[in-house]
């Protein structure tokens, strides 16, 4: 079979297509014959290694992660054989860019009949992160929501989910005209350019009393500090990503001085601390995808052999929605 790895840190050109033996599932694992792999921005940082910051250094050779959907074609010890032949999706922690991948059977997301490959790849990670972050922010009906990177892979789902949960005004941010138009198409009531000098004033124009809930992708200390200032009294900010690489420092008084709170969301942390909630989030996202309430946009379907092109699309930050690798 084919897989993508990197043997040196660097630009997308270090991604290498190689032949490898088909892996055998171990205890508690399944093997998935991949039909699509959702590529995530964090892997571009791990590919860069030390240049992206100590947080992203992984041992070589680099073995990319990804959200894989496909059909189970083998199971390991302790796994129900009836899973064979089922279409599933999974967050794969190693060697996700491959024709066949190994996944933890415990965290498989069943894919409803007829669901397209793009939305299927959002079931194990993208959708649950967006939903989990909103739930951690304790979003109540009628409250205002600020979604940073509203045209991104998770952001455009967060906009839709905020609306599905009964949010009032949903404000998105995006740096390009295409991204802002896309965010409006997915349900944002207003969208601002966060690279503009007066972006905070533009948010306040839509939420004069302050924003109740804000979702931050880890765009950096400057954006997060400004976001904290935009919160209403008792407002809640949730940060869930590492879009800017290394997270920056945040003045404590930006939190404690205004009856505001800041929380950090992590999918793997939730699986460990509250596995029942993590499973419920996947089930809820799947139900919303099955009935068409939640949809995704596939910006590009890139052949596996051209993985470097997929990484360039992610690094350009101009993609709208999901970038898929197709084995």
Protein backbone atom coordinates (compact mmCIF):
# COMPACT_ATOMS: atom_id res chain seq x y z
CA UNK A 1 0.00 0.00 0.00
CA UNK A 2 0.99 3.69 -0.20
CA UNK A 3 1.53 6.12 2.63
CA UNK A 4 2.93 9.61 3.19
CA UNK A 5 5.68 10.35 5.72
CA UNK A 6 8.49 12.88 6.11
CA UNK A 7 12.06 12.02 7.06
CA UNK A 8 13.20 15.62 7.66
CA UNK A 9 11.46 18.74 8.94
CA UNK A 10 10.75 21.41 6.37
CA UNK A 11 8.36 22.82 3.79
CA UNK A 12 5.63 20.71 2.12
CA UNK A 13 8.22 19.29 -0.26
CA UNK A 14 9.49 16.96 2.47
CA UNK A 15 6.28 14.93 2.28
CA UNK A 16 7.21 11.67 0.60
CA UNK A 17 5.05 8.95 -0.93
CA UNK A 18 6.37 5.50 -0.08
CA UNK A 19 5.35 1.89 -0.38
CA UNK A 20 4.72 0.00 2.86
CA UNK A 21 3.31 -3.30 4.06
CA UNK A 22 -0.38 -3.35 4.87
CA UNK A 23 -0.59 -3.00 8.68
CA UNK A 24 -2.27 -5.63 10.85
CA UNK A 25 -4.65 -4.37 13.54
CA UNK A 26 -3.54 -5.01 17.10
CA UNK A 27 -5.77 -5.63 20.13
CA UNK A 28 -8.60 -3.11 20.25
CA UNK A 29 -7.88 -1.83 16.74
CA UNK A 30 -9.50 -2.00 13.33
CA UNK A 31 -8.02 -1.50 9.90
CA UNK A 32 -9.83 0.94 7.63
CA UNK A 33 -9.59 0.98 3.86
CA UNK A 34 -9.56 4.72 3.41
CA UNK A 35 -11.82 6.58 1.00
CA UNK A 36 -10.91 10.08 2.21
CA UNK A 37 -8.58 11.69 4.74
CA UNK A 38 -9.34 15.07 6.26
CA UNK A 39 -6.06 17.01 6.48
CA UNK A 40 -5.62 19.33 9.47
CA UNK A 41 -3.51 22.45 9.91
CA UNK A 42 -1.72 21.09 12.97
CA UNK A 43 0.12 18.59 10.78
CA UNK A 44 1.74 21.41 8.83
CA UNK A 45 3.21 22.60 12.13
CA UNK A 46 4.46 19.13 13.07
CA UNK A 47 5.98 18.80 9.60
CA UNK A 48 7.93 22.02 10.23
CA UNK A 49 9.08 20.71 13.61
CA UNK A 50 11.44 23.02 15.55
CA UNK A 51 10.71 25.93 13.21
CA UNK A 52 7.10 25.87 14.40
CA UNK A 53 8.04 25.66 18.07
CA UNK A 54 8.95 23.03 20.62
CA UNK A 55 5.28 22.15 21.08
CA UNK A 56 5.19 20.58 17.61
CA UNK A 57 8.42 18.58 17.57
CA UNK A 58 7.76 14.87 17.00
CA UNK A 59 10.25 12.06 16.40
CA UNK A 60 11.22 11.38 12.82
CA UNK A 61 10.04 9.94 10.56
CA UNK A 62 6.94 12.14 10.64
CA UNK A 63 3.69 10.18 10.66
CA UNK A 64 0.77 12.52 9.95
CA UNK A 65 -2.54 12.52 11.78
CA UNK A 66 -5.90 12.93 10.07
CA UNK A 67 -9.63 12.29 10.04
CA UNK A 68 -10.15 9.13 8.01
CA UNK A 69 -13.37 7.73 6.63
CA UNK A 70 -13.66 4.39 4.91
CA UNK A 71 -14.66 0.77 5.36
CA UNK A 72 -13.38 -1.57 8.07
CA UNK A 73 -11.61 -4.48 6.39
CA UNK A 74 -10.01 -6.21 9.40
CA UNK A 75 -10.31 -6.23 13.19
CA UNK A 76 -7.88 -7.04 15.98
CA UNK A 77 -8.29 -9.14 19.10
CA UNK A 78 -11.15 -8.08 21.32
CA UNK A 79 -13.01 -6.23 18.57
CA UNK A 80 -16.46 -7.23 17.33
CA UNK A 81 -16.00 -8.99 13.96
CA UNK A 82 -19.36 -7.51 12.89
CA UNK A 83 -17.57 -4.20 12.35
CA UNK A 84 -15.98 -5.65 9.20
CA UNK A 85 -17.55 -4.08 6.15
CA UNK A 86 -18.97 -1.08 7.99
CA UNK A 87 -18.33 2.50 6.90
CA UNK A 88 -16.81 4.45 9.75
CA UNK A 89 -14.72 7.53 10.49
CA UNK A 90 -11.89 7.96 12.96
CA UNK A 91 -9.27 10.41 14.14
CA UNK A 92 -6.06 8.56 13.28
CA UNK A 93 -3.03 9.53 15.34
CA UNK A 94 -0.27 8.02 13.15
CA UNK A 95 0.09 7.32 9.42
CA UNK A 96 -3.32 8.74 8.53
CA UNK A 97 -2.18 9.65 5.01
CA UNK A 98 -2.36 6.11 3.64
CA UNK A 99 -4.46 3.68 1.64
CA UNK A 100 -5.16 1.65 4.79
CA UNK A 101 -4.93 2.87 8.37
CA UNK A 102 -5.20 1.54 11.91
CA UNK A 103 -7.72 3.07 14.30
CA UNK A 104 -8.88 2.59 17.88
CA UNK A 105 -12.14 0.64 17.72
CA UNK A 106 -13.40 2.34 20.89
CA UNK A 107 -13.67 5.73 19.19
CA UNK A 108 -15.02 4.87 15.75
CA UNK A 109 -17.83 7.08 14.47
CA UNK A 110 -20.40 5.13 12.42
CA UNK A 111 -21.15 6.94 9.17
CA UNK A 112 -24.85 7.24 8.27
CA UNK A 113 -25.93 5.91 4.89
CA UNK A 114 -25.59 8.44 2.12
CA UNK A 115 -23.36 10.87 4.02
CA UNK A 116 -20.71 12.39 1.74
CA UNK A 117 -17.02 11.86 2.41
CA UNK A 118 -16.39 15.45 3.51
CA UNK A 119 -18.99 15.43 6.27
CA UNK A 120 -18.02 11.89 7.24
CA UNK A 121 -14.47 13.06 8.01
CA UNK A 122 -15.94 15.70 10.36
CA UNK A 123 -17.71 13.18 12.60
CA UNK A 124 -14.79 11.99 14.76
CA UNK A 125 -13.04 15.31 15.43
CA UNK A 126 -14.09 18.53 13.66
CA UNK A 127 -17.77 18.43 14.55
CA UNK A 128 -17.29 17.23 18.15
CA UNK A 129 -14.64 19.91 18.76
CA UNK A 130 -16.96 22.66 17.55
CA UNK A 131 -19.86 21.30 19.58
CA UNK A 132 -17.72 20.57 22.63
CA UNK A 133 -16.27 24.08 22.65
CA UNK A 134 -19.74 25.62 22.51
CA UNK A 135 -20.91 23.37 25.32
CA UNK A 136 -17.86 24.19 27.42
CA UNK A 137 -18.77 27.83 26.83
CA UNK A 138 -22.23 27.07 28.27
CA UNK A 139 -24.00 28.67 25.35
CA UNK A 140 -27.62 29.52 26.22
CA UNK A 141 -30.43 30.27 23.81
CA UNK A 142 -30.44 33.83 22.57
CA UNK A 143 -26.81 34.53 23.54
CA UNK A 144 -24.35 36.11 21.13
CA UNK A 145 -21.40 34.12 19.83
CA UNK A 146 -18.10 35.19 18.26
CA UNK A 147 -16.47 32.51 16.10
CA UNK A 148 -12.91 33.16 15.00
CA UNK A 149 -11.77 31.59 11.69
CA UNK A 150 -15.41 31.15 10.75
CA UNK A 151 -14.50 29.94 7.26
CA UNK A 152 -12.11 27.27 8.53
CA UNK A 153 -12.61 23.55 8.90
CA UNK A 154 -13.98 23.75 12.46
CA UNK A 155 -15.15 27.36 12.42
CA UNK A 156 -17.78 26.89 9.72
CA UNK A 157 -19.21 23.99 11.73
CA UNK A 158 -19.22 26.09 14.90
CA UNK A 159 -21.29 28.77 13.16
CA UNK A 160 -23.91 26.20 12.15
CA UNK A 161 -23.91 24.48 15.55
CA UNK A 162 -24.28 27.77 17.41
CA UNK A 163 -27.41 28.45 15.37
CA UNK A 164 -28.69 24.91 15.96
CA UNK A 165 -28.23 25.40 19.72
CA UNK A 166 -30.35 28.54 19.62
CA UNK A 167 -27.75 31.30 19.64
CA UNK A 168 -28.86 34.85 18.95
CA UNK A 169 -26.37 36.89 16.95
CA UNK A 170 -23.47 34.83 15.55
CA UNK A 171 -20.47 36.92 14.50
CA UNK A 172 -17.68 35.32 12.51
CA UNK A 173 -14.20 36.51 11.66
CA UNK A 174 -12.30 35.80 8.45
CA UNK A 175 -9.36 37.52 6.80
CA UNK A 176 -10.46 37.25 3.17
CA UNK A 177 -13.51 38.46 1.26
CA UNK A 178 -14.18 34.89 0.09
CA UNK A 179 -13.95 33.63 3.65
CA UNK A 180 -16.36 36.27 4.90
CA UNK A 181 -18.85 35.46 2.17
CA UNK A 182 -18.56 31.76 2.96
CA UNK A 183 -19.13 32.37 6.68
CA UNK A 184 -22.32 34.27 5.87
CA UNK A 185 -23.47 31.42 3.64
CA UNK A 186 -23.04 28.97 6.51
CA UNK A 187 -25.21 31.06 8.82
CA UNK A 188 -23.19 33.87 10.41
CA UNK A 189 -25.28 36.97 10.99
CA UNK A 190 -22.24 39.23 10.62
CA UNK A 191 -18.62 38.69 9.62
CA UNK A 192 -15.64 40.98 10.24
CA UNK A 193 -12.07 41.05 9.00
CA UNK A 194 -9.94 40.42 12.08
CA UNK A 195 -6.87 41.80 10.30
CA UNK A 196 -8.49 45.25 10.10
CA UNK A 197 -7.32 47.77 12.70
CA UNK A 198 -10.89 48.42 13.84
CA UNK A 199 -12.11 44.83 13.90
CA UNK A 200 -13.06 45.02 17.57
CA UNK A 201 -15.22 48.08 16.92
CA UNK A 202 -16.94 46.20 14.13
CA UNK A 203 -17.74 43.33 16.51
CA UNK A 204 -19.07 45.76 19.11
CA UNK A 205 -21.37 47.26 16.50
CA UNK A 206 -23.15 43.89 16.31
CA UNK A 207 -22.93 43.11 20.05
CA UNK A 208 -23.03 46.48 21.85
CA UNK A 209 -23.29 44.85 25.27
CA UNK A 210 -20.43 42.47 24.62
CA UNK A 211 -20.22 38.92 23.32
CA UNK A 212 -21.52 36.13 25.55
CA UNK A 213 -19.45 33.26 24.13
CA UNK A 214 -16.30 33.41 21.98
CA UNK A 215 -14.48 30.54 20.29
CA UNK A 216 -10.78 31.09 19.69
CA UNK A 217 -8.62 28.96 17.42
CA UNK A 218 -5.37 29.88 19.12
CA UNK A 219 -4.69 32.76 16.74
CA UNK A 220 -2.26 34.32 19.20
CA UNK A 221 -2.16 36.29 22.43
CA UNK A 222 -3.09 39.55 20.71
CA UNK A 223 -6.32 38.18 19.23
CA UNK A 224 -7.19 36.36 22.45
CA UNK A 225 -6.56 39.44 24.60
CA UNK A 226 -8.78 41.51 22.31
CA UNK A 227 -11.42 38.79 22.42
CA UNK A 228 -11.43 38.86 26.21
CA UNK A 229 -12.05 42.61 26.05
CA UNK A 230 -15.03 41.98 23.77
CA UNK A 231 -16.76 39.66 26.23
CA UNK A 232 -19.82 40.84 28.10
CA UNK A 233 -19.85 40.58 31.90
CA UNK A 234 -20.01 36.86 32.69
CA UNK A 235 -18.90 36.15 29.14
CA UNK A 236 -16.99 32.96 28.37
CA UNK A 237 -14.14 32.42 25.92
CA UNK A 238 -13.06 28.95 24.85
CA UNK A 239 -9.78 28.34 23.05
CA UNK A 240 -9.34 25.04 21.26
CA UNK A 241 -6.56 25.32 18.66
CA UNK A 242 -2.98 26.23 17.89
CA UNK A 243 -3.46 28.21 14.68
CA UNK A 244 -0.60 30.60 15.45
CA UNK A 245 1.83 27.92 16.60
CA UNK A 246 3.09 28.62 20.09
CA UNK A 247 0.36 30.08 22.33
CA UNK A 248 1.16 33.47 23.81
CA UNK A 249 0.78 34.93 27.28
CA UNK A 250 -2.43 36.57 28.43
CA UNK A 251 -2.62 39.22 31.17
CA UNK A 252 -4.48 37.74 34.13
CA UNK A 253 -6.42 40.94 34.70
CA UNK A 254 -8.05 40.59 31.29
CA UNK A 255 -9.93 37.67 32.84
CA UNK A 256 -10.37 38.41 36.53
CA UNK A 257 -11.10 42.12 36.15
CA UNK A 258 -14.39 41.81 34.27
CA UNK A 259 -16.41 38.80 35.51
CA UNK A 260 -15.15 36.84 32.52
CA UNK A 261 -13.84 33.32 32.11
CA UNK A 262 -11.42 31.52 29.78
CA UNK A 263 -11.39 27.78 29.24
CA UNK A 264 -9.35 25.44 27.09
CA UNK A 265 -11.00 22.61 25.15
CA UNK A 266 -9.21 19.43 24.10
CA UNK A 267 -10.89 16.44 22.46
CA UNK A 268 -8.48 13.86 23.86
CA UNK A 269 -8.74 15.44 27.30
CA UNK A 270 -12.52 15.14 27.17
CA UNK A 271 -12.29 11.51 26.09
CA UNK A 272 -10.15 10.81 29.14
CA UNK A 273 -12.08 12.88 31.69
CA UNK A 274 -15.64 12.33 30.49
CA UNK A 275 -15.78 9.61 27.85
CA UNK A 276 -19.56 9.41 27.99
CA UNK A 277 -19.82 13.09 27.06
CA UNK A 278 -17.28 12.67 24.26
CA UNK A 279 -19.37 9.85 22.80
CA UNK A 280 -22.55 11.87 23.13
CA UNK A 281 -20.97 14.77 21.25
CA UNK A 282 -20.11 12.44 18.36
CA UNK A 283 -23.64 11.00 18.39
CA UNK A 284 -25.22 14.46 18.41
CA UNK A 285 -23.02 15.70 15.56
CA UNK A 286 -23.80 12.55 13.56
CA UNK A 287 -27.54 13.06 14.02
CA UNK A 288 -27.31 16.69 12.87
CA UNK A 289 -25.25 15.61 9.84
CA UNK A 290 -27.70 12.84 8.99
CA UNK A 291 -30.70 15.18 8.93
CA UNK A 292 -28.86 17.88 6.97
CA UNK A 293 -28.73 20.46 9.76
CA UNK A 294 -24.93 20.31 9.75
CA UNK A 295 -23.02 20.32 6.47
CA UNK A 296 -19.46 20.84 5.39
CA UNK A 297 -17.86 22.30 2.31
CA UNK A 298 -14.99 20.48 0.66
CA UNK A 299 -12.58 23.07 -0.67
CA UNK A 300 -10.40 20.53 -2.49
CA UNK A 301 -10.01 16.82 -3.01
CA UNK A 302 -6.31 16.19 -3.52
CA UNK A 303 -4.81 12.83 -4.61
CA UNK A 304 -2.79 11.16 -1.83
CA UNK A 305 0.37 11.39 -3.94
CA UNK A 306 -0.02 15.20 -3.97
CA UNK A 307 -0.14 15.62 -0.20
CA UNK A 308 2.29 18.54 -0.46
CA UNK A 309 -0.39 20.48 -2.37
CA UNK A 310 -2.88 19.84 0.42
CA UNK A 311 -0.42 21.23 2.97
CA UNK A 312 0.16 24.32 0.86
CA UNK A 313 -3.59 24.92 0.74
CA UNK A 314 -3.77 24.66 4.52
CA UNK A 315 -0.78 26.97 5.01
CA UNK A 316 -2.14 29.60 2.63
CA UNK A 317 -5.11 29.89 5.03
CA UNK A 318 -7.37 30.69 2.10
CA UNK A 319 -9.24 27.38 2.01
CA UNK A 320 -12.94 27.31 2.78
CA UNK A 321 -13.99 24.35 4.87
CA UNK A 322 -12.31 20.97 4.42
CA UNK A 323 -9.25 19.83 2.47
CA UNK A 324 -9.38 16.11 1.69
CA UNK A 325 -6.72 13.66 0.57
CA UNK A 326 -8.10 10.92 -1.66
CA UNK A 327 -6.17 7.59 -1.65
